[in-house]
């Protein structure tokens, strides 16, 4: 099993995990990265709206660098959930 790099003074207690919902918009090169408290719920909500035959505006407040985001449901090309490790 490969060992992970562990700089001096860093313990497993400092490493946290967070999740983000990635929203890939048609015609855009980079996804929207949305940090929210309940990522599974947001993923399911966006998936449902993506499958709907009628377009609707989706507006969300998030906890990450993007504080508020708005896009049209029929412009979603793909969704993903991303797990990230970070040091606190």
C-alpha atoms as a PDB file:
ATOM      1  CA  UNK A   1       0.000   0.000   0.000  1.00  0.00           C
ATOM      2  CA  UNK A   2       1.373   3.396  -0.950  1.00  0.00           C
ATOM      3  CA  UNK A   3       2.085   5.881   1.813  1.00  0.00           C
ATOM      4  CA  UNK A   4       0.839   9.420   1.587  1.00  0.00           C
ATOM      5  CA  UNK A   5       3.158  12.379   2.052  1.00  0.00           C
ATOM      6  CA  UNK A   6       2.893  13.659   5.610  1.00  0.00           C
ATOM      7  CA  UNK A   7       4.822  16.880   6.286  1.00  0.00           C
ATOM      8  CA  UNK A   8       6.241  17.511   9.740  1.00  0.00           C
ATOM      9  CA  UNK A   9       3.646  18.672  12.246  1.00  0.00           C
ATOM     10  CA  UNK A  10       0.716  17.373  10.216  1.00  0.00           C
ATOM     11  CA  UNK A  11      -1.431  14.665  11.758  1.00  0.00           C
ATOM     12  CA  UNK A  12      -4.469  12.779  10.551  1.00  0.00           C
ATOM     13  CA  UNK A  13      -6.529  14.976  12.894  1.00  0.00           C
ATOM     14  CA  UNK A  14      -5.761  18.027  10.757  1.00  0.00           C
ATOM     15  CA  UNK A  15      -6.927  16.406   7.517  1.00  0.00           C
ATOM     16  CA  UNK A  16     -10.637  16.934   6.855  1.00  0.00           C
ATOM     17  CA  UNK A  17     -12.872  15.788   4.010  1.00  0.00           C
ATOM     18  CA  UNK A  18     -15.445  17.926   2.233  1.00  0.00           C
ATOM     19  CA  UNK A  19     -17.682  17.272  -0.738  1.00  0.00           C
ATOM     20  CA  UNK A  20     -18.636  19.446  -3.665  1.00  0.00           C
ATOM     21  CA  UNK A  21     -21.255  19.093  -6.381  1.00  0.00           C
ATOM     22  CA  UNK A  22     -19.779  19.812  -9.800  1.00  0.00           C
ATOM     23  CA  UNK A  23     -22.211  21.220 -12.354  1.00  0.00           C
ATOM     24  CA  UNK A  24     -21.016  21.072 -15.937  1.00  0.00           C
ATOM     25  CA  UNK A  25     -22.758  23.731 -18.021  1.00  0.00           C
ATOM     26  CA  UNK A  26     -23.112  23.299 -21.785  1.00  0.00           C
ATOM     27  CA  UNK A  27     -20.505  25.361 -23.651  1.00  0.00           C
ATOM     28  CA  UNK A  28     -18.424  26.033 -20.526  1.00  0.00           C
ATOM     29  CA  UNK A  29     -14.900  24.709 -20.110  1.00  0.00           C
ATOM     30  CA  UNK A  30     -14.901  24.517 -16.307  1.00  0.00           C
ATOM     31  CA  UNK A  31     -17.633  23.229 -13.991  1.00  0.00           C
ATOM     32  CA  UNK A  32     -19.361  25.187 -11.264  1.00  0.00           C
ATOM     33  CA  UNK A  33     -18.039  23.840  -7.945  1.00  0.00           C
ATOM     34  CA  UNK A  34     -20.772  24.080  -5.324  1.00  0.00           C
ATOM     35  CA  UNK A  35     -20.034  23.477  -1.638  1.00  0.00           C
ATOM     36  CA  UNK A  36     -23.197  22.868   0.375  1.00  0.00           C
ATOM     37  CA  UNK A  37     -24.111  21.197   3.672  1.00  0.00           C
ATOM     38  CA  UNK A  38     -26.132  18.390   2.045  1.00  0.00           C
ATOM     39  CA  UNK A  39     -24.370  17.562  -1.220  1.00  0.00           C
ATOM     40  CA  UNK A  40     -26.433  14.400  -1.853  1.00  0.00           C
ATOM     41  CA  UNK A  41     -29.686  16.357  -1.675  1.00  0.00           C
ATOM     42  CA  UNK A  42     -28.395  19.028  -4.070  1.00  0.00           C
ATOM     43  CA  UNK A  43     -27.146  16.373  -6.500  1.00  0.00           C
ATOM     44  CA  UNK A  44     -30.554  14.632  -6.515  1.00  0.00           C
ATOM     45  CA  UNK A  45     -32.406  17.937  -6.920  1.00  0.00           C
ATOM     46  CA  UNK A  46     -30.255  18.993  -9.871  1.00  0.00           C
ATOM     47  CA  UNK A  47     -30.552  15.546 -11.455  1.00  0.00           C
ATOM     48  CA  UNK A  48     -34.354  15.759 -11.260  1.00  0.00           C
ATOM     49  CA  UNK A  49     -34.377  19.264 -12.767  1.00  0.00           C
ATOM     50  CA  UNK A  50     -31.939  18.151 -15.472  1.00  0.00           C
ATOM     51  CA  UNK A  51     -34.335  15.362 -16.497  1.00  0.00           C
ATOM     52  CA  UNK A  52     -37.387  17.631 -16.564  1.00  0.00           C
ATOM     53  CA  UNK A  53     -38.676  18.547 -20.044  1.00  0.00           C
ATOM     54  CA  UNK A  54     -39.344  22.133 -18.951  1.00  0.00           C
ATOM     55  CA  UNK A  55     -36.506  24.554 -18.299  1.00  0.00           C
ATOM     56  CA  UNK A  56     -36.362  26.363 -14.980  1.00  0.00           C
ATOM     57  CA  UNK A  57     -34.006  28.774 -13.299  1.00  0.00           C
ATOM     58  CA  UNK A  58     -31.993  27.276 -10.460  1.00  0.00           C
ATOM     59  CA  UNK A  59     -30.606  29.660  -7.860  1.00  0.00           C
ATOM     60  CA  UNK A  60     -28.557  28.410  -4.894  1.00  0.00           C
ATOM     61  CA  UNK A  61     -26.587  29.865  -2.014  1.00  0.00           C
ATOM     62  CA  UNK A  62     -23.397  27.945  -1.257  1.00  0.00           C
ATOM     63  CA  UNK A  63     -20.709  27.769   1.425  1.00  0.00           C
ATOM     64  CA  UNK A  64     -17.640  27.988  -0.820  1.00  0.00           C
ATOM     65  CA  UNK A  65     -16.037  30.741  -2.895  1.00  0.00           C
ATOM     66  CA  UNK A  66     -19.218  31.014  -4.964  1.00  0.00           C
ATOM     67  CA  UNK A  67     -21.710  32.517  -2.525  1.00  0.00           C
ATOM     68  CA  UNK A  68     -24.699  32.582  -4.862  1.00  0.00           C
ATOM     69  CA  UNK A  69     -25.165  30.959  -8.246  1.00  0.00           C
ATOM     70  CA  UNK A  70     -27.903  30.895 -10.864  1.00  0.00           C
ATOM     71  CA  UNK A  71     -28.256  28.842 -14.051  1.00  0.00           C
ATOM     72  CA  UNK A  72     -30.945  27.334 -16.294  1.00  0.00           C
ATOM     73  CA  UNK A  73     -31.761  23.653 -15.791  1.00  0.00           C
ATOM     74  CA  UNK A  74     -31.700  22.748 -19.488  1.00  0.00           C
ATOM     75  CA  UNK A  75     -28.082  23.966 -19.727  1.00  0.00           C
ATOM     76  CA  UNK A  76     -26.759  21.284 -17.357  1.00  0.00           C
ATOM     77  CA  UNK A  77     -24.632  18.824 -19.335  1.00  0.00           C
ATOM     78  CA  UNK A  78     -23.449  16.644 -16.423  1.00  0.00           C
ATOM     79  CA  UNK A  79     -23.227  16.407 -12.633  1.00  0.00           C
ATOM     80  CA  UNK A  80     -20.617  14.911 -10.316  1.00  0.00           C
ATOM     81  CA  UNK A  81     -19.828  14.651  -6.613  1.00  0.00           C
ATOM     82  CA  UNK A  82     -16.214  15.346  -5.723  1.00  0.00           C
ATOM     83  CA  UNK A  83     -14.499  14.387  -2.464  1.00  0.00           C
ATOM     84  CA  UNK A  84     -11.666  16.666  -1.360  1.00  0.00           C
ATOM     85  CA  UNK A  85      -9.184  16.414   1.477  1.00  0.00           C
ATOM     86  CA  UNK A  86      -8.002  19.630   3.075  1.00  0.00           C
ATOM     87  CA  UNK A  87      -5.951  20.728   6.070  1.00  0.00           C
ATOM     88  CA  UNK A  88      -7.668  22.651   8.804  1.00  0.00           C
END
